[in-house]
Amino acid sequence: MSDPTHIGPNGADNPEAANEVMTPAMRLMELQGKHRALDNRIHEMYAYPYQNQVLLQRLKKEKLRLKDQIEHLKDEMIPDLNA
């Protein structure tokens, strides 16, 4: 059983953290952080002469997926001025 006095530093065992509502701005920041991290990892992989091409391709696809999610979220956050 989990002892409530042993809560991890990120609050993983904290039920309140699990129920926290994420605002669109918070979600956008999270997605942008993941996108930057993937971009950095992709650039690091190019430094090696024998890259894992399959992994590199997967990382690029994930980065594009995140970019699409970011753009979709931005579109939802910005009101339509023509309405």
PDB file of N, CA and C in Angstrom:
ATOM      1  N   MET A   1       0.832  -1.192   0.000  1.00  0.00           N
ATOM      2  CA  MET A   1       0.000   0.000   0.000  1.00  0.00           C
ATOM      3  C   MET A   1       0.869   1.245   0.000  1.00  0.00           C
ATOM      4  N   SER A   2       0.341   2.303  -0.524  1.00  0.00           N
ATOM      5  CA  SER A   2       1.073   3.555  -0.607  1.00  0.00           C
ATOM      6  C   SER A   2       0.894   4.349   0.673  1.00  0.00           C
ATOM      7  N   ASP A   3       2.015   4.817   1.210  1.00  0.00           N
ATOM      8  CA  ASP A   3       1.997   5.627   2.416  1.00  0.00           C
ATOM      9  C   ASP A   3       1.858   7.085   2.009  1.00  0.00           C
ATOM     10  N   PRO A   4       0.833   7.814   2.490  1.00  0.00           N
ATOM     11  CA  PRO A   4       0.631   9.202   2.059  1.00  0.00           C
ATOM     12  C   PRO A   4       1.767  10.126   2.461  1.00  0.00           C
ATOM     13  N   THR A   5       2.625   9.705   3.392  1.00  0.00           N
ATOM     14  CA  THR A   5       3.741  10.567   3.774  1.00  0.00           C
ATOM     15  C   THR A   5       4.881  10.476   2.789  1.00  0.00           C
ATOM     16  N   HIS A   6       4.845   9.491   1.852  1.00  0.00           N
ATOM     17  CA  HIS A   6       5.909   9.319   0.867  1.00  0.00           C
ATOM     18  C   HIS A   6       5.417   9.737  -0.515  1.00  0.00           C
ATOM     19  N   ILE A   7       5.207  11.006  -0.667  1.00  0.00           N
ATOM     20  CA  ILE A   7       4.762  11.534  -1.952  1.00  0.00           C
ATOM     21  C   ILE A   7       5.987  11.956  -2.739  1.00  0.00           C
ATOM     22  N   GLY A   8       6.033  11.563  -3.994  1.00  0.00           N
ATOM     23  CA  GLY A   8       7.166  11.877  -4.847  1.00  0.00           C
ATOM     24  C   GLY A   8       7.290  13.370  -5.080  1.00  0.00           C
ATOM     25  N   PRO A   9       8.460  13.813  -5.549  1.00  0.00           N
ATOM     26  CA  PRO A   9       8.694  15.239  -5.759  1.00  0.00           C
ATOM     27  C   PRO A   9       7.804  15.853  -6.829  1.00  0.00           C
ATOM     28  N   ASN A  10       7.320  15.044  -7.765  1.00  0.00           N
ATOM     29  CA  ASN A  10       6.456  15.592  -8.803  1.00  0.00           C
ATOM     30  C   ASN A  10       4.980  15.452  -8.440  1.00  0.00           C
ATOM     31  N   GLY A  11       4.687  14.953  -7.247  1.00  0.00           N
ATOM     32  CA  GLY A  11       3.310  14.820  -6.796  1.00  0.00           C
ATOM     33  C   GLY A  11       2.573  13.677  -7.444  1.00  0.00           C
ATOM     34  N   ALA A  12       3.288  12.662  -7.911  1.00  0.00           N
ATOM     35  CA  ALA A  12       2.666  11.556  -8.633  1.00  0.00           C
ATOM     36  C   ALA A  12       1.662  10.812  -7.770  1.00  0.00           C
ATOM     37  N   ASP A  13       1.898  10.744  -6.476  1.00  0.00           N
ATOM     38  CA  ASP A  13       0.977  10.044  -5.585  1.00  0.00           C
ATOM     39  C   ASP A  13      -0.090  10.975  -5.025  1.00  0.00           C
ATOM     40  N   ASN A  14      -0.110  12.209  -5.453  1.00  0.00           N
ATOM     41  CA  ASN A  14      -1.043  13.201  -4.949  1.00  0.00           C
ATOM     42  C   ASN A  14      -2.310  13.168  -5.796  1.00  0.00           C
ATOM     43  N   PRO A  15      -3.456  12.760  -5.216  1.00  0.00           N
ATOM     44  CA  PRO A  15      -4.684  12.681  -6.009  1.00  0.00           C
ATOM     45  C   PRO A  15      -5.153  14.042  -6.511  1.00  0.00           C
ATOM     46  N   GLU A  16      -4.841  15.116  -5.793  1.00  0.00           N
ATOM     47  CA  GLU A  16      -5.252  16.439  -6.243  1.00  0.00           C
ATOM     48  C   GLU A  16      -4.546  16.812  -7.536  1.00  0.00           C
ATOM     49  N   ALA A  17      -3.281  16.420  -7.699  1.00  0.00           N
ATOM     50  CA  ALA A  17      -2.543  16.735  -8.918  1.00  0.00           C
ATOM     51  C   ALA A  17      -3.144  15.998 -10.117  1.00  0.00           C
ATOM     52  N   ALA A  18      -3.618  14.782  -9.893  1.00  0.00           N
ATOM     53  CA  ALA A  18      -4.206  14.005 -10.981  1.00  0.00           C
ATOM     54  C   ALA A  18      -5.534  14.609 -11.432  1.00  0.00           C
ATOM     55  N   ASN A  19      -6.222  15.289 -10.540  1.00  0.00           N
ATOM     56  CA  ASN A  19      -7.523  15.876 -10.862  1.00  0.00           C
ATOM     57  C   ASN A  19      -7.411  17.325 -11.322  1.00  0.00           C
ATOM     58  N   GLU A  20      -6.208  17.857 -11.401  1.00  0.00           N
ATOM     59  CA  GLU A  20      -6.024  19.246 -11.791  1.00  0.00           C
ATOM     60  C   GLU A  20      -6.464  19.441 -13.237  1.00  0.00           C
ATOM     61  N   VAL A  21      -7.266  20.464 -13.462  1.00  0.00           N
ATOM     62  CA  VAL A  21      -7.763  20.756 -14.803  1.00  0.00           C
ATOM     63  C   VAL A  21      -6.692  21.551 -15.534  1.00  0.00           C
ATOM     64  N   MET A  22      -6.382  21.098 -16.728  1.00  0.00           N
ATOM     65  CA  MET A  22      -5.361  21.757 -17.532  1.00  0.00           C
ATOM     66  C   MET A  22      -6.026  22.777 -18.441  1.00  0.00           C
ATOM     67  N   THR A  23      -5.602  24.010 -18.346  1.00  0.00           N
ATOM     68  CA  THR A  23      -6.152  25.045 -19.210  1.00  0.00           C
ATOM     69  C   THR A  23      -5.563  24.892 -20.608  1.00  0.00           C
ATOM     70  N   PRO A  24      -6.210  25.460 -21.626  1.00  0.00           N
ATOM     71  CA  PRO A  24      -5.641  25.384 -22.978  1.00  0.00           C
ATOM     72  C   PRO A  24      -4.231  25.986 -23.051  1.00  0.00           C
ATOM     73  N   ALA A  25      -3.983  27.058 -22.319  1.00  0.00           N
ATOM     74  CA  ALA A  25      -2.652  27.675 -22.325  1.00  0.00           C
ATOM     75  C   ALA A  25      -1.614  26.733 -21.718  1.00  0.00           C
ATOM     76  N   MET A  26      -1.992  26.032 -20.649  1.00  0.00           N
ATOM     77  CA  MET A  26      -1.081  25.070 -20.031  1.00  0.00           C
ATOM     78  C   MET A  26      -0.800  23.919 -20.985  1.00  0.00           C
ATOM     79  N   ARG A  27      -1.829  23.452 -21.663  1.00  0.00           N
ATOM     80  CA  ARG A  27      -1.674  22.359 -22.624  1.00  0.00           C
ATOM     81  C   ARG A  27      -0.773  22.796 -23.779  1.00  0.00           C
ATOM     82  N   LEU A  28      -0.954  24.036 -24.233  1.00  0.00           N
ATOM     83  CA  LEU A  28      -0.133  24.576 -25.311  1.00  0.00           C
ATOM     84  C   LEU A  28       1.333  24.619 -24.897  1.00  0.00           C
ATOM     85  N   MET A  29       1.611  25.079 -23.705  1.00  0.00           N
ATOM     86  CA  MET A  29       2.984  25.136 -23.218  1.00  0.00           C
ATOM     87  C   MET A  29       3.590  23.740 -23.109  1.00  0.00           C
ATOM     88  N   GLU A  30       2.796  22.777 -22.659  1.00  0.00           N
ATOM     89  CA  GLU A  30       3.271  21.399 -22.543  1.00  0.00           C
ATOM     90  C   GLU A  30       3.627  20.837 -23.926  1.00  0.00           C
ATOM     91  N   LEU A  31       2.742  21.043 -24.904  1.00  0.00           N
ATOM     92  CA  LEU A  31       2.980  20.549 -26.258  1.00  0.00           C
ATOM     93  C   LEU A  31       4.203  21.218 -26.884  1.00  0.00           C
ATOM     94  N   GLN A  32       4.353  22.520 -26.663  1.00  0.00           N
ATOM     95  CA  GLN A  32       5.503  23.233 -27.217  1.00  0.00           C
ATOM     96  C   GLN A  32       6.803  22.738 -26.590  1.00  0.00           C
ATOM     97  N   GLY A  33       6.775  22.419 -25.303  1.00  0.00           N
ATOM     98  CA  GLY A  33       7.954  21.873 -24.641  1.00  0.00           C
ATOM     99  C   GLY A  33       8.342  20.517 -25.205  1.00  0.00           C
ATOM    100  N   LYS A  34       7.341  19.658 -25.432  1.00  0.00           N
ATOM    101  CA  LYS A  34       7.609  18.349 -26.023  1.00  0.00           C
ATOM    102  C   LYS A  34       8.149  18.499 -27.441  1.00  0.00           C
ATOM    103  N   HIS A  35       7.602  19.452 -28.190  1.00  0.00           N
ATOM    104  CA  HIS A  35       8.040  19.694 -29.564  1.00  0.00           C
ATOM    105  C   HIS A  35       9.508  20.139 -29.574  1.00  0.00           C
ATOM    106  N   ARG A  36       9.876  21.063 -28.665  1.00  0.00           N
ATOM    107  CA  ARG A  36      11.268  21.515 -28.576  1.00  0.00           C
ATOM    108  C   ARG A  36      12.198  20.373 -28.192  1.00  0.00           C
ATOM    109  N   ALA A  37      11.764  19.538 -27.248  1.00  0.00           N
ATOM    110  CA  ALA A  37      12.590  18.409 -26.815  1.00  0.00           C
ATOM    111  C   ALA A  37      12.830  17.434 -27.971  1.00  0.00           C
ATOM    112  N   LEU A  38      11.789  17.152 -28.751  1.00  0.00           N
ATOM    113  CA  LEU A  38      11.951  16.273 -29.914  1.00  0.00           C
ATOM    114  C   LEU A  38      12.886  16.907 -30.943  1.00  0.00           C
ATOM    115  N   ASP A  39      12.736  18.197 -31.166  1.00  0.00           N
ATOM    116  CA  ASP A  39      13.593  18.895 -32.115  1.00  0.00           C
ATOM    117  C   ASP A  39      15.056  18.792 -31.683  1.00  0.00           C
ATOM    118  N   ASN A  40      15.314  18.990 -30.393  1.00  0.00           N
ATOM    119  CA  ASN A  40      16.676  18.874 -29.876  1.00  0.00           C
ATOM    120  C   ASN A  40      17.216  17.459 -30.051  1.00  0.00           C
ATOM    121  N   ARG A  41      16.395  16.472 -29.776  1.00  0.00           N
ATOM    122  CA  ARG A  41      16.833  15.080 -29.906  1.00  0.00           C
ATOM    123  C   ARG A  41      17.139  14.731 -31.361  1.00  0.00           C
ATOM    124  N   ILE A  42      16.316  15.232 -32.283  1.00  0.00           N
ATOM    125  CA  ILE A  42      16.547  14.991 -33.707  1.00  0.00           C
ATOM    126  C   ILE A  42      17.873  15.617 -34.138  1.00  0.00           C
ATOM    127  N   HIS A  43      18.121  16.854 -33.694  1.00  0.00           N
ATOM    128  CA  HIS A  43      19.380  17.514 -34.043  1.00  0.00           C
ATOM    129  C   HIS A  43      20.575  16.772 -33.449  1.00  0.00           C
ATOM    130  N   GLU A  44      20.446  16.236 -32.244  1.00  0.00           N
ATOM    131  CA  GLU A  44      21.519  15.456 -31.629  1.00  0.00           C
ATOM    132  C   GLU A  44      21.804  14.193 -32.432  1.00  0.00           C
ATOM    133  N   MET A  45      20.749  13.573 -32.961  1.00  0.00           N
ATOM    134  CA  MET A  45      20.930  12.337 -33.726  1.00  0.00           C
ATOM    135  C   MET A  45      21.697  12.581 -35.022  1.00  0.00           C
ATOM    136  N   TYR A  46      21.574  13.769 -35.598  1.00  0.00           N
ATOM    137  CA  TYR A  46      22.300  14.081 -36.827  1.00  0.00           C
ATOM    138  C   TYR A  46      23.801  14.208 -36.580  1.00  0.00           C
ATOM    139  N   ALA A  47      24.203  14.371 -35.330  1.00  0.00           N
ATOM    140  CA  ALA A  47      25.618  14.499 -35.001  1.00  0.00           C
ATOM    141  C   ALA A  47      26.357  13.167 -35.135  1.00  0.00           C
ATOM    142  N   TYR A  48      25.627  12.060 -35.126  1.00  0.00           N
ATOM    143  CA  TYR A  48      26.243  10.743 -35.229  1.00  0.00           C
ATOM    144  C   TYR A  48      26.258  10.297 -36.694  1.00  0.00           C
ATOM    145  N   PRO A  49      27.381   9.757 -37.157  1.00  0.00           N
ATOM    146  CA  PRO A  49      27.449   9.371 -38.566  1.00  0.00           C
ATOM    147  C   PRO A  49      26.519   8.211 -38.928  1.00  0.00           C
ATOM    148  N   TYR A  50      26.227   7.350 -37.998  1.00  0.00           N
ATOM    149  CA  TYR A  50      25.362   6.196 -38.277  1.00  0.00           C
ATOM    150  C   TYR A  50      24.100   6.304 -37.426  1.00  0.00           C
ATOM    151  N   GLN A  51      23.177   7.144 -37.850  1.00  0.00           N
ATOM    152  CA  GLN A  51      21.948   7.339 -37.090  1.00  0.00           C
ATOM    153  C   GLN A  51      21.021   6.144 -37.268  1.00  0.00           C
ATOM    154  N   ASN A  52      20.183   5.973 -36.294  1.00  0.00           N
ATOM    155  CA  ASN A  52      19.120   4.982 -36.382  1.00  0.00           C
ATOM    156  C   ASN A  52      18.010   5.623 -37.216  1.00  0.00           C
ATOM    157  N   GLN A  53      17.949   5.287 -38.490  1.00  0.00           N
ATOM    158  CA  GLN A  53      17.029   5.947 -39.418  1.00  0.00           C
ATOM    159  C   GLN A  53      15.561   5.698 -39.065  1.00  0.00           C
ATOM    160  N   VAL A  54      15.259   4.517 -38.559  1.00  0.00           N
ATOM    161  CA  VAL A  54      13.873   4.211 -38.191  1.00  0.00           C
ATOM    162  C   VAL A  54      13.443   5.088 -37.014  1.00  0.00           C
ATOM    163  N   LEU A  55      14.304   5.188 -36.002  1.00  0.00           N
ATOM    164  CA  LEU A  55      13.993   6.033 -34.846  1.00  0.00           C
ATOM    165  C   LEU A  55      13.893   7.491 -35.264  1.00  0.00           C
ATOM    166  N   LEU A  56      14.800   7.923 -36.109  1.00  0.00           N
ATOM    167  CA  LEU A  56      14.786   9.303 -36.577  1.00  0.00           C
ATOM    168  C   LEU A  56      13.480   9.618 -37.302  1.00  0.00           C
ATOM    169  N   GLN A  57      13.032   8.699 -38.142  1.00  0.00           N
ATOM    170  CA  GLN A  57      11.777   8.890 -38.862  1.00  0.00           C
ATOM    171  C   GLN A  57      10.592   8.953 -37.892  1.00  0.00           C
ATOM    172  N   ARG A  58      10.596   8.097 -36.882  1.00  0.00           N
ATOM    173  CA  ARG A  58       9.512   8.108 -35.883  1.00  0.00           C
ATOM    174  C   ARG A  58       9.495   9.415 -35.105  1.00  0.00           C
ATOM    175  N   LEU A  59      10.679   9.906 -34.739  1.00  0.00           N
ATOM    176  CA  LEU A  59      10.753  11.168 -34.001  1.00  0.00           C
ATOM    177  C   LEU A  59      10.244  12.325 -34.853  1.00  0.00           C
ATOM    178  N   LYS A  60      10.579  12.316 -36.128  1.00  0.00           N
ATOM    179  CA  LYS A  60      10.104  13.376 -37.021  1.00  0.00           C
ATOM    180  C   LYS A  60       8.584  13.338 -37.169  1.00  0.00           C
ATOM    181  N   LYS A  61       8.023  12.134 -37.277  1.00  0.00           N
ATOM    182  CA  LYS A  61       6.565  12.011 -37.381  1.00  0.00           C
ATOM    183  C   LYS A  61       5.889  12.489 -36.099  1.00  0.00           C
ATOM    184  N   GLU A  62       6.468  12.147 -34.958  1.00  0.00           N
ATOM    185  CA  GLU A  62       5.912  12.595 -33.679  1.00  0.00           C
ATOM    186  C   GLU A  62       5.993  14.114 -33.573  1.00  0.00           C
ATOM    187  N   LYS A  63       7.103  14.684 -34.026  1.00  0.00           N
ATOM    188  CA  LYS A  63       7.259  16.138 -34.001  1.00  0.00           C
ATOM    189  C   LYS A  63       6.192  16.809 -34.872  1.00  0.00           C
ATOM    190  N   LEU A  64       5.927  16.254 -36.059  1.00  0.00           N
ATOM    191  CA  LEU A  64       4.877  16.801 -36.921  1.00  0.00           C
ATOM    192  C   LEU A  64       3.496  16.664 -36.295  1.00  0.00           C
ATOM    193  N   ARG A  65       3.258  15.529 -35.625  1.00  0.00           N
ATOM    194  CA  ARG A  65       1.975  15.322 -34.945  1.00  0.00           C
ATOM    195  C   ARG A  65       1.784  16.378 -33.851  1.00  0.00           C
ATOM    196  N   LEU A  66       2.857  16.638 -33.092  1.00  0.00           N
ATOM    197  CA  LEU A  66       2.785  17.655 -32.046  1.00  0.00           C
ATOM    198  C   LEU A  66       2.552  19.042 -32.646  1.00  0.00           C
ATOM    199  N   LYS A  67       3.208  19.326 -33.765  1.00  0.00           N
ATOM    200  CA  LYS A  67       3.024  20.623 -34.427  1.00  0.00           C
ATOM    201  C   LYS A  67       1.569  20.802 -34.835  1.00  0.00           C
ATOM    202  N   ASP A  68       0.965  19.750 -35.382  1.00  0.00           N
ATOM    203  CA  ASP A  68      -0.448  19.817 -35.765  1.00  0.00           C
ATOM    204  C   ASP A  68      -1.338  20.063 -34.547  1.00  0.00           C
ATOM    205  N   GLN A  69      -1.044  19.386 -33.448  1.00  0.00           N
ATOM    206  CA  GLN A  69      -1.826  19.585 -32.222  1.00  0.00           C
ATOM    207  C   GLN A  69      -1.676  21.015 -31.717  1.00  0.00           C
ATOM    208  N   ILE A  70      -0.459  21.555 -31.780  1.00  0.00           N
ATOM    209  CA  ILE A  70      -0.209  22.929 -31.334  1.00  0.00           C
ATOM    210  C   ILE A  70      -1.005  23.908 -32.190  1.00  0.00           C
ATOM    211  N   GLU A  71      -0.952  23.741 -33.496  1.00  0.00           N
ATOM    212  CA  GLU A  71      -1.690  24.639 -34.393  1.00  0.00           C
ATOM    213  C   GLU A  71      -3.200  24.540 -34.171  1.00  0.00           C
ATOM    214  N   HIS A  72      -3.696  23.320 -33.977  1.00  0.00           N
ATOM    215  CA  HIS A  72      -5.122  23.123 -33.720  1.00  0.00           C
ATOM    216  C   HIS A  72      -5.528  23.812 -32.417  1.00  0.00           C
ATOM    217  N   LEU A  73      -4.714  23.676 -31.383  1.00  0.00           N
ATOM    218  CA  LEU A  73      -5.012  24.294 -30.091  1.00  0.00           C
ATOM    219  C   LEU A  73      -4.966  25.809 -30.200  1.00  0.00           C
ATOM    220  N   LYS A  74      -3.992  26.338 -30.929  1.00  0.00           N
ATOM    221  CA  LYS A  74      -3.910  27.794 -31.132  1.00  0.00           C
ATOM    222  C   LYS A  74      -5.160  28.304 -31.846  1.00  0.00           C
ATOM    223  N   ASP A  75      -5.615  27.552 -32.860  1.00  0.00           N
ATOM    224  CA  ASP A  75      -6.826  27.944 -33.585  1.00  0.00           C
ATOM    225  C   ASP A  75      -8.039  27.975 -32.667  1.00  0.00           C
ATOM    226  N   GLU A  76      -8.105  27.041 -31.742  1.00  0.00           N
ATOM    227  CA  GLU A  76      -9.232  27.000 -30.796  1.00  0.00           C
ATOM    228  C   GLU A  76      -9.170  28.161 -29.807  1.00  0.00           C
ATOM    229  N   MET A  77      -7.957  28.568 -29.445  1.00  0.00           N
ATOM    230  CA  MET A  77      -7.786  29.635 -28.442  1.00  0.00           C
ATOM    231  C   MET A  77      -8.033  31.018 -29.020  1.00  0.00           C
ATOM    232  N   ILE A  78      -7.775  31.210 -30.313  1.00  0.00           N
ATOM    233  CA  ILE A  78      -7.943  32.508 -30.942  1.00  0.00           C
ATOM    234  C   ILE A  78      -9.369  32.619 -31.474  1.00  0.00           C
ATOM    235  N   PRO A  79     -10.112  33.618 -31.031  1.00  0.00           N
ATOM    236  CA  PRO A  79     -11.500  33.738 -31.504  1.00  0.00           C
ATOM    237  C   PRO A  79     -11.561  34.079 -32.987  1.00  0.00           C
ATOM    238  N   ASP A  80     -12.607  33.600 -33.631  1.00  0.00           N
ATOM    239  CA  ASP A  80     -12.817  33.870 -35.049  1.00  0.00           C
ATOM    240  C   ASP A  80     -13.353  35.292 -35.199  1.00  0.00           C
ATOM    241  N   LEU A  81     -12.579  36.160 -35.795  1.00  0.00           N
ATOM    242  CA  LEU A  81     -12.968  37.567 -35.921  1.00  0.00           C
ATOM    243  C   LEU A  81     -14.024  37.789 -36.985  1.00  0.00           C
ATOM    244  N   ASN A  82     -14.226  36.842 -37.875  1.00  0.00           N
ATOM    245  CA  ASN A  82     -15.222  36.985 -38.936  1.00  0.00           C
ATOM    246  C   ASN A  82     -16.604  36.573 -38.484  1.00  0.00           C
ATOM    247  N   ALA A  83     -16.724  36.016 -37.308  1.00  0.00           N
ATOM    248  CA  ALA A  83     -18.032  35.523 -36.825  1.00  0.00           C
ATOM    249  C   ALA A  83     -18.929  36.643 -36.382  1.00  0.00           C
TER     250      ALA A  83
END
